Amino acid sequence: MPETRLLRAPLRGFAPSPDLSGPDLEEAEFQAAQLAAKDAIARQVPVLVAALEISASIAKSVHGSAEAQEARELTGVGAVLIEEDVAFSRVAALHLADDTLEGETLDATAPGPLELSWYDTTEIHHVAQLLTDANN
């Protein structure tokens, strides 16, 4: 049951500022997914991004470098740390980098957005199989 499955803390991620709405929020959510994907590439792990619907109060802002702070001010997106487990039922969608499935090495510094395929949370077993197949 999804209600009993948990994403275990601590969780690293990127989130829009809580005061955004409308098109600004949609753009910030896109940027957050892109930053999360590039972070995974930099850490050399498969690019699987889970979009969470959680209270802003549990996503603690991570204040990093001056560059990170400037990026937050420009895009409305910043790094966050979630220090409590999150129920899988709070996952709104999954995003998987297309190149990951093709076994290509991605470059986190490449210009332009990464191609991320969207998967409904009911497709988690399919996503897991895609990742398994790509790593074999």
N, C-alpha and C. Protein backbone atom coordinates (compact mmCIF):
# COMPACT_ATOMS: atom_id res chain seq x y z
N MET A 1 0.82 -1.19 0.00
CA MET A 1 0.00 0.00 0.00
C MET A 1 0.87 1.25 0.00
N PRO A 2 0.60 2.20 -0.91
CA PRO A 2 1.41 3.42 -0.95
C PRO A 2 1.39 4.21 0.36
N GLU A 3 0.31 4.13 1.12
CA GLU A 3 0.23 4.90 2.37
C GLU A 3 1.25 4.42 3.40
N THR A 4 1.69 3.16 3.28
CA THR A 4 2.62 2.61 4.26
C THR A 4 4.06 2.62 3.79
N ARG A 5 4.30 2.89 2.52
CA ARG A 5 5.67 2.97 2.01
C ARG A 5 6.21 4.37 2.28
N LEU A 6 7.48 4.42 2.61
CA LEU A 6 8.09 5.70 2.98
C LEU A 6 9.34 5.99 2.16
N LEU A 7 9.54 7.26 1.88
CA LEU A 7 10.83 7.72 1.39
C LEU A 7 11.57 8.13 2.65
N ARG A 8 12.68 7.51 2.90
CA ARG A 8 13.40 7.70 4.17
C ARG A 8 14.24 8.97 4.18
N ALA A 9 14.12 9.70 5.25
CA ALA A 9 14.90 10.91 5.48
C ALA A 9 16.33 10.52 5.83
N PRO A 10 17.26 11.41 5.60
CA PRO A 10 17.08 12.75 5.05
C PRO A 10 16.98 12.69 3.52
N LEU A 11 16.19 13.58 2.96
CA LEU A 11 15.99 13.69 1.52
C LEU A 11 16.51 15.04 1.05
N ARG A 12 17.32 15.01 0.01
CA ARG A 12 17.82 16.25 -0.61
C ARG A 12 16.91 16.60 -1.76
N GLY A 13 16.74 17.87 -2.01
CA GLY A 13 15.92 18.24 -3.14
C GLY A 13 15.97 19.71 -3.45
N PHE A 14 15.07 20.11 -4.32
CA PHE A 14 14.94 21.50 -4.74
C PHE A 14 13.46 21.82 -4.75
N ALA A 15 13.13 23.02 -4.33
CA ALA A 15 11.72 23.39 -4.23
C ALA A 15 11.52 24.84 -4.59
N PRO A 16 10.34 25.14 -5.17
CA PRO A 16 9.99 26.53 -5.42
C PRO A 16 9.72 27.26 -4.11
N SER A 17 9.88 28.56 -4.14
CA SER A 17 9.51 29.36 -2.98
C SER A 17 8.02 29.20 -2.74
N PRO A 18 7.61 29.11 -1.47
CA PRO A 18 6.19 28.87 -1.17
C PRO A 18 5.25 29.98 -1.62
N ASP A 19 5.76 31.17 -1.89
CA ASP A 19 4.89 32.29 -2.26
C ASP A 19 4.61 32.38 -3.76
N LEU A 20 5.14 31.46 -4.57
CA LEU A 20 4.91 31.49 -6.01
C LEU A 20 3.55 30.89 -6.34
N SER A 21 2.97 31.33 -7.46
CA SER A 21 1.71 30.75 -7.92
C SER A 21 1.62 30.89 -9.43
N GLY A 22 0.62 30.23 -10.01
CA GLY A 22 0.36 30.33 -11.45
C GLY A 22 1.54 29.92 -12.30
N PRO A 23 1.76 30.64 -13.42
CA PRO A 23 2.84 30.30 -14.35
C PRO A 23 4.22 30.36 -13.69
N ASP A 24 4.40 31.28 -12.74
CA ASP A 24 5.68 31.36 -12.05
C ASP A 24 5.96 30.08 -11.27
N LEU A 25 4.92 29.53 -10.64
CA LEU A 25 5.08 28.28 -9.90
C LEU A 25 5.38 27.13 -10.85
N GLU A 26 4.68 27.06 -11.97
CA GLU A 26 4.93 25.99 -12.94
C GLU A 26 6.36 26.04 -13.46
N GLU A 27 6.86 27.23 -13.76
CA GLU A 27 8.24 27.36 -14.24
C GLU A 27 9.23 26.97 -13.13
N ALA A 28 8.94 27.38 -11.89
CA ALA A 28 9.82 27.04 -10.77
C ALA A 28 9.82 25.53 -10.52
N GLU A 29 8.68 24.88 -10.66
CA GLU A 29 8.63 23.42 -10.50
C GLU A 29 9.47 22.73 -11.57
N PHE A 30 9.41 23.23 -12.80
CA PHE A 30 10.23 22.70 -13.89
C PHE A 30 11.71 22.88 -13.55
N GLN A 31 12.08 24.07 -13.09
CA GLN A 31 13.48 24.34 -12.73
C GLN A 31 13.93 23.47 -11.56
N ALA A 32 13.05 23.24 -10.60
CA ALA A 32 13.39 22.38 -9.46
C ALA A 32 13.68 20.96 -9.93
N ALA A 33 12.87 20.45 -10.84
CA ALA A 33 13.11 19.09 -11.38
C ALA A 33 14.43 19.05 -12.14
N GLN A 34 14.72 20.09 -12.90
CA GLN A 34 15.99 20.15 -13.64
C GLN A 34 17.18 20.16 -12.69
N LEU A 35 17.10 20.98 -11.64
CA LEU A 35 18.19 21.04 -10.67
C LEU A 35 18.37 19.70 -9.95
N ALA A 36 17.28 19.05 -9.61
CA ALA A 36 17.37 17.74 -8.95
C ALA A 36 18.01 16.72 -9.89
N ALA A 37 17.66 16.76 -11.16
CA ALA A 37 18.24 15.84 -12.13
C ALA A 37 19.74 16.09 -12.28
N LYS A 38 20.12 17.36 -12.39
CA LYS A 38 21.54 17.69 -12.54
C LYS A 38 22.33 17.34 -11.28
N ASP A 39 21.69 17.46 -10.12
CA ASP A 39 22.33 17.05 -8.86
C ASP A 39 22.59 15.54 -8.86
N ALA A 40 21.63 14.78 -9.35
CA ALA A 40 21.82 13.32 -9.43
C ALA A 40 22.96 12.97 -10.38
N ILE A 41 23.03 13.66 -11.51
CA ILE A 41 24.11 13.42 -12.47
C ILE A 41 25.46 13.71 -11.82
N ALA A 42 25.54 14.84 -11.13
CA ALA A 42 26.79 15.22 -10.47
C ALA A 42 27.20 14.20 -9.41
N ARG A 43 26.22 13.57 -8.77
CA ARG A 43 26.51 12.55 -7.75
C ARG A 43 26.68 11.16 -8.37
N GLN A 44 26.55 11.07 -9.70
CA GLN A 44 26.70 9.83 -10.46
C GLN A 44 25.73 8.74 -10.01
N VAL A 45 24.47 9.15 -9.83
CA VAL A 45 23.41 8.20 -9.54
C VAL A 45 22.36 8.32 -10.64
N PRO A 46 21.55 7.28 -10.85
CA PRO A 46 20.51 7.37 -11.88
C PRO A 46 19.59 8.56 -11.63
N VAL A 47 19.17 9.19 -12.71
CA VAL A 47 18.31 10.37 -12.61
C VAL A 47 16.86 9.92 -12.48
N LEU A 48 16.41 9.88 -11.25
CA LEU A 48 15.02 9.60 -10.92
C LEU A 48 14.59 10.68 -9.94
N VAL A 49 13.69 11.53 -10.38
CA VAL A 49 13.23 12.67 -9.58
C VAL A 49 11.80 12.39 -9.13
N ALA A 50 11.56 12.49 -7.83
CA ALA A 50 10.21 12.34 -7.30
C ALA A 50 9.69 13.73 -6.95
N ALA A 51 8.57 14.08 -7.56
CA ALA A 51 7.92 15.36 -7.24
C ALA A 51 6.99 15.12 -6.06
N LEU A 52 7.26 15.82 -4.95
CA LEU A 52 6.51 15.61 -3.72
C LEU A 52 5.50 16.72 -3.48
N GLU A 53 4.37 16.36 -2.94
CA GLU A 53 3.39 17.33 -2.47
C GLU A 53 3.43 17.29 -0.95
N ILE A 54 4.20 18.22 -0.39
CA ILE A 54 4.38 18.26 1.06
C ILE A 54 4.23 19.69 1.55
N SER A 55 4.09 19.81 2.84
CA SER A 55 4.01 21.12 3.47
C SER A 55 5.38 21.80 3.38
N ALA A 56 5.36 23.08 3.08
CA ALA A 56 6.61 23.84 3.01
C ALA A 56 7.35 23.82 4.34
N SER A 57 6.63 23.57 5.43
CA SER A 57 7.26 23.61 6.75
C SER A 57 8.23 22.46 6.99
N ILE A 58 8.11 21.35 6.22
CA ILE A 58 9.06 20.25 6.43
C ILE A 58 10.23 20.29 5.47
N ALA A 59 10.17 21.15 4.46
CA ALA A 59 11.28 21.31 3.52
C ALA A 59 12.12 22.49 3.98
N LYS A 60 13.17 22.20 4.70
CA LYS A 60 14.03 23.24 5.26
C LYS A 60 15.00 23.75 4.21
N SER A 61 15.01 25.04 4.03
CA SER A 61 15.89 25.67 3.05
C SER A 61 17.34 25.45 3.44
N VAL A 62 18.14 25.11 2.45
CA VAL A 62 19.58 24.91 2.65
C VAL A 62 20.28 26.14 2.09
N HIS A 63 20.88 26.91 2.97
CA HIS A 63 21.58 28.12 2.53
C HIS A 63 23.02 27.73 2.24
N GLY A 64 23.35 27.75 0.98
CA GLY A 64 24.69 27.38 0.56
C GLY A 64 25.51 28.59 0.21
N SER A 65 26.16 28.48 -0.91
CA SER A 65 27.05 29.54 -1.37
C SER A 65 26.26 30.79 -1.78
N ALA A 66 26.98 31.84 -1.99
CA ALA A 66 26.37 33.07 -2.48
C ALA A 66 25.75 32.82 -3.85
N GLU A 67 26.38 31.95 -4.63
CA GLU A 67 25.86 31.59 -5.95
C GLU A 67 24.49 30.89 -5.81
N ALA A 68 24.37 29.99 -4.83
CA ALA A 68 23.09 29.30 -4.60
C ALA A 68 22.02 30.27 -4.16
N GLN A 69 22.37 31.22 -3.33
CA GLN A 69 21.42 32.23 -2.87
C GLN A 69 20.97 33.12 -4.02
N GLU A 70 21.91 33.48 -4.88
CA GLU A 70 21.56 34.30 -6.05
C GLU A 70 20.63 33.53 -6.99
N ALA A 71 20.90 32.24 -7.17
CA ALA A 71 20.05 31.41 -8.02
C ALA A 71 18.64 31.34 -7.45
N ARG A 72 18.51 31.23 -6.13
CA ARG A 72 17.19 31.19 -5.49
C ARG A 72 16.44 32.49 -5.77
N GLU A 73 17.13 33.59 -5.67
CA GLU A 73 16.48 34.89 -5.89
C GLU A 73 16.06 35.06 -7.35
N LEU A 74 16.86 34.55 -8.28
CA LEU A 74 16.55 34.70 -9.71
C LEU A 74 15.44 33.75 -10.17
N THR A 75 15.46 32.53 -9.69
CA THR A 75 14.54 31.51 -10.21
C THR A 75 13.38 31.21 -9.28
N GLY A 76 13.50 31.57 -8.01
CA GLY A 76 12.47 31.19 -7.05
C GLY A 76 12.59 29.75 -6.60
N VAL A 77 13.74 29.12 -6.89
CA VAL A 77 13.98 27.72 -6.55
C VAL A 77 15.24 27.63 -5.71
N GLY A 78 15.20 26.80 -4.67
CA GLY A 78 16.38 26.61 -3.84
C GLY A 78 16.51 25.19 -3.34
N ALA A 79 17.68 24.89 -2.84
CA ALA A 79 17.94 23.57 -2.26
C ALA A 79 17.21 23.43 -0.94
N VAL A 80 16.69 22.24 -0.69
CA VAL A 80 16.00 21.95 0.56
C VAL A 80 16.47 20.62 1.11
N LEU A 81 16.26 20.46 2.40
CA LEU A 81 16.54 19.20 3.09
C LEU A 81 15.27 18.82 3.85
N ILE A 82 14.84 17.59 3.66
CA ILE A 82 13.68 17.09 4.36
C ILE A 82 14.18 16.09 5.38
N GLU A 83 13.96 16.41 6.65
CA GLU A 83 14.54 15.62 7.73
C GLU A 83 13.55 14.66 8.38
N GLU A 84 12.43 14.43 7.72
CA GLU A 84 11.49 13.42 8.22
C GLU A 84 11.04 12.55 7.06
N ASP A 85 10.69 11.31 7.36
CA ASP A 85 10.23 10.40 6.33
C ASP A 85 8.98 10.96 5.66
N VAL A 86 8.82 10.65 4.38
CA VAL A 86 7.67 11.12 3.60
C VAL A 86 6.93 9.89 3.08
N ALA A 87 5.63 9.84 3.30
CA ALA A 87 4.81 8.74 2.80
C ALA A 87 4.82 8.76 1.28
N PHE A 88 4.92 7.58 0.67
CA PHE A 88 4.94 7.49 -0.78
C PHE A 88 3.67 8.07 -1.39
N SER A 89 2.60 8.09 -0.64
CA SER A 89 1.35 8.67 -1.14
C SER A 89 1.49 10.17 -1.40
N ARG A 90 2.55 10.81 -0.89
CA ARG A 90 2.81 12.24 -1.11
C ARG A 90 3.59 12.49 -2.40
N VAL A 91 3.98 11.41 -3.11
CA VAL A 91 4.68 11.55 -4.39
C VAL A 91 3.63 11.85 -5.45
N ALA A 92 3.77 12.98 -6.13
CA ALA A 92 2.81 13.39 -7.16
C ALA A 92 3.15 12.77 -8.51
N ALA A 93 4.43 12.63 -8.80
CA ALA A 93 4.87 12.09 -10.08
C ALA A 93 6.34 11.72 -9.99
N LEU A 94 6.77 10.93 -10.95
CA LEU A 94 8.17 10.54 -11.07
C LEU A 94 8.69 11.04 -12.41
N HIS A 95 9.94 11.44 -12.43
CA HIS A 95 10.58 11.90 -13.67
C HIS A 95 11.89 11.14 -13.82
N LEU A 96 12.10 10.60 -15.00
CA LEU A 96 13.28 9.80 -15.27
C LEU A 96 13.97 10.37 -16.50
N ALA A 97 15.29 10.57 -16.41
CA ALA A 97 16.04 11.12 -17.55
C ALA A 97 16.05 10.12 -18.69
N ASP A 98 15.67 10.59 -19.87
CA ASP A 98 15.62 9.72 -21.04
C ASP A 98 16.98 9.11 -21.35
N ASP A 99 18.05 9.90 -21.23
CA ASP A 99 19.38 9.39 -21.54
C ASP A 99 19.81 8.29 -20.58
N THR A 100 19.30 8.32 -19.35
CA THR A 100 19.62 7.26 -18.38
C THR A 100 19.17 5.92 -18.91
N LEU A 101 18.02 5.89 -19.55
CA LEU A 101 17.48 4.65 -20.08
C LEU A 101 18.28 4.14 -21.26
N GLU A 102 18.95 5.04 -21.97
CA GLU A 102 19.75 4.66 -23.13
C GLU A 102 21.19 4.34 -22.75
N GLY A 103 21.51 4.39 -21.46
CA GLY A 103 22.85 4.06 -21.01
C GLY A 103 23.89 5.11 -21.32
N GLU A 104 23.45 6.31 -21.66
CA GLU A 104 24.39 7.39 -21.97
C GLU A 104 24.83 8.09 -20.69
N THR A 105 26.02 8.66 -20.74
CA THR A 105 26.52 9.44 -19.63
C THR A 105 26.04 10.87 -19.80
N LEU A 106 25.36 11.37 -18.81
CA LEU A 106 24.82 12.73 -18.86
C LEU A 106 25.82 13.71 -18.29
N ASP A 107 25.75 14.94 -18.77
CA ASP A 107 26.63 16.01 -18.31
C ASP A 107 25.80 17.05 -17.57
N ALA A 108 26.05 17.19 -16.29
CA ALA A 108 25.28 18.13 -15.47
C ALA A 108 25.54 19.58 -15.85
N THR A 109 26.65 19.83 -16.57
CA THR A 109 26.97 21.21 -16.95
C THR A 109 26.53 21.54 -18.37
N ALA A 110 25.91 20.59 -19.06
CA ALA A 110 25.47 20.82 -20.43
C ALA A 110 24.40 21.92 -20.45
N PRO A 111 24.46 22.79 -21.45
CA PRO A 111 23.44 23.85 -21.52
C PRO A 111 22.08 23.27 -21.89
N GLY A 112 21.06 23.99 -21.52
CA GLY A 112 19.71 23.57 -21.88
C GLY A 112 19.14 22.55 -20.92
N PRO A 113 17.84 22.35 -21.02
CA PRO A 113 17.18 21.42 -20.11
C PRO A 113 17.44 19.96 -20.47
N LEU A 114 17.39 19.13 -19.47
CA LEU A 114 17.47 17.68 -19.67
C LEU A 114 16.09 17.18 -20.07
N GLU A 115 16.06 16.12 -20.87
CA GLU A 115 14.79 15.49 -21.23
C GLU A 115 14.40 14.55 -20.11
N LEU A 116 13.29 14.84 -19.45
CA LEU A 116 12.80 14.01 -18.36
C LEU A 116 11.42 13.47 -18.74
N SER A 117 11.27 12.16 -18.68
CA SER A 117 9.96 11.55 -18.95
C SER A 117 9.17 11.52 -17.66
N TRP A 118 7.87 11.77 -17.78
CA TRP A 118 6.95 11.82 -16.64
C TRP A 118 6.30 10.46 -16.48
N TYR A 119 6.23 9.99 -15.23
CA TYR A 119 5.55 8.73 -14.91
C TYR A 119 4.62 8.96 -13.73
N ASP A 120 3.45 8.37 -13.84
CA ASP A 120 2.50 8.39 -12.73
C ASP A 120 3.03 7.47 -11.63
N THR A 121 2.66 7.74 -10.41
CA THR A 121 3.16 6.91 -9.30
C THR A 121 2.66 5.47 -9.38
N THR A 122 1.58 5.23 -10.12
CA THR A 122 1.12 3.84 -10.29
C THR A 122 2.07 3.05 -11.18
N GLU A 123 3.00 3.75 -11.84
CA GLU A 123 3.96 3.09 -12.73
C GLU A 123 5.31 2.81 -12.06
N ILE A 124 5.36 2.87 -10.73
CA ILE A 124 6.64 2.71 -10.02
C ILE A 124 7.34 1.39 -10.36
N HIS A 125 6.58 0.32 -10.51
CA HIS A 125 7.20 -0.97 -10.85
C HIS A 125 7.80 -0.92 -12.26
N HIS A 126 7.12 -0.23 -13.17
CA HIS A 126 7.64 -0.06 -14.53
C HIS A 126 8.93 0.76 -14.51
N VAL A 127 8.93 1.84 -13.74
CA VAL A 127 10.12 2.69 -13.63
C VAL A 127 11.29 1.89 -13.04
N ALA A 128 11.02 1.12 -12.02
CA ALA A 128 12.07 0.29 -11.41
C ALA A 128 12.64 -0.69 -12.43
N GLN A 129 11.78 -1.28 -13.26
CA GLN A 129 12.24 -2.22 -14.28
C GLN A 129 13.08 -1.50 -15.34
N LEU A 130 12.66 -0.31 -15.73
CA LEU A 130 13.43 0.47 -16.70
C LEU A 130 14.83 0.76 -16.16
N LEU A 131 14.92 1.14 -14.90
CA LEU A 131 16.23 1.42 -14.30
C LEU A 131 17.07 0.16 -14.21
N THR A 132 16.45 -0.95 -13.85
CA THR A 132 17.18 -2.23 -13.77
C THR A 132 17.72 -2.62 -15.14
N ASP A 133 16.87 -2.51 -16.16
CA ASP A 133 17.29 -2.86 -17.53
C ASP A 133 18.41 -1.95 -18.01
N ALA A 134 18.34 -0.67 -17.68
CA ALA A 134 19.35 0.28 -18.12
C ALA A 134 20.70 0.02 -17.46
N ASN A 135 20.69 -0.53 -16.26
CA ASN A 135 21.94 -0.78 -15.53
C ASN A 135 22.52 -2.15 -15.80
N ASN A 136 21.87 -2.94 -16.63
CA ASN A 136 22.40 -4.29 -16.98
C ASN A 136 23.02 -4.30 -18.33
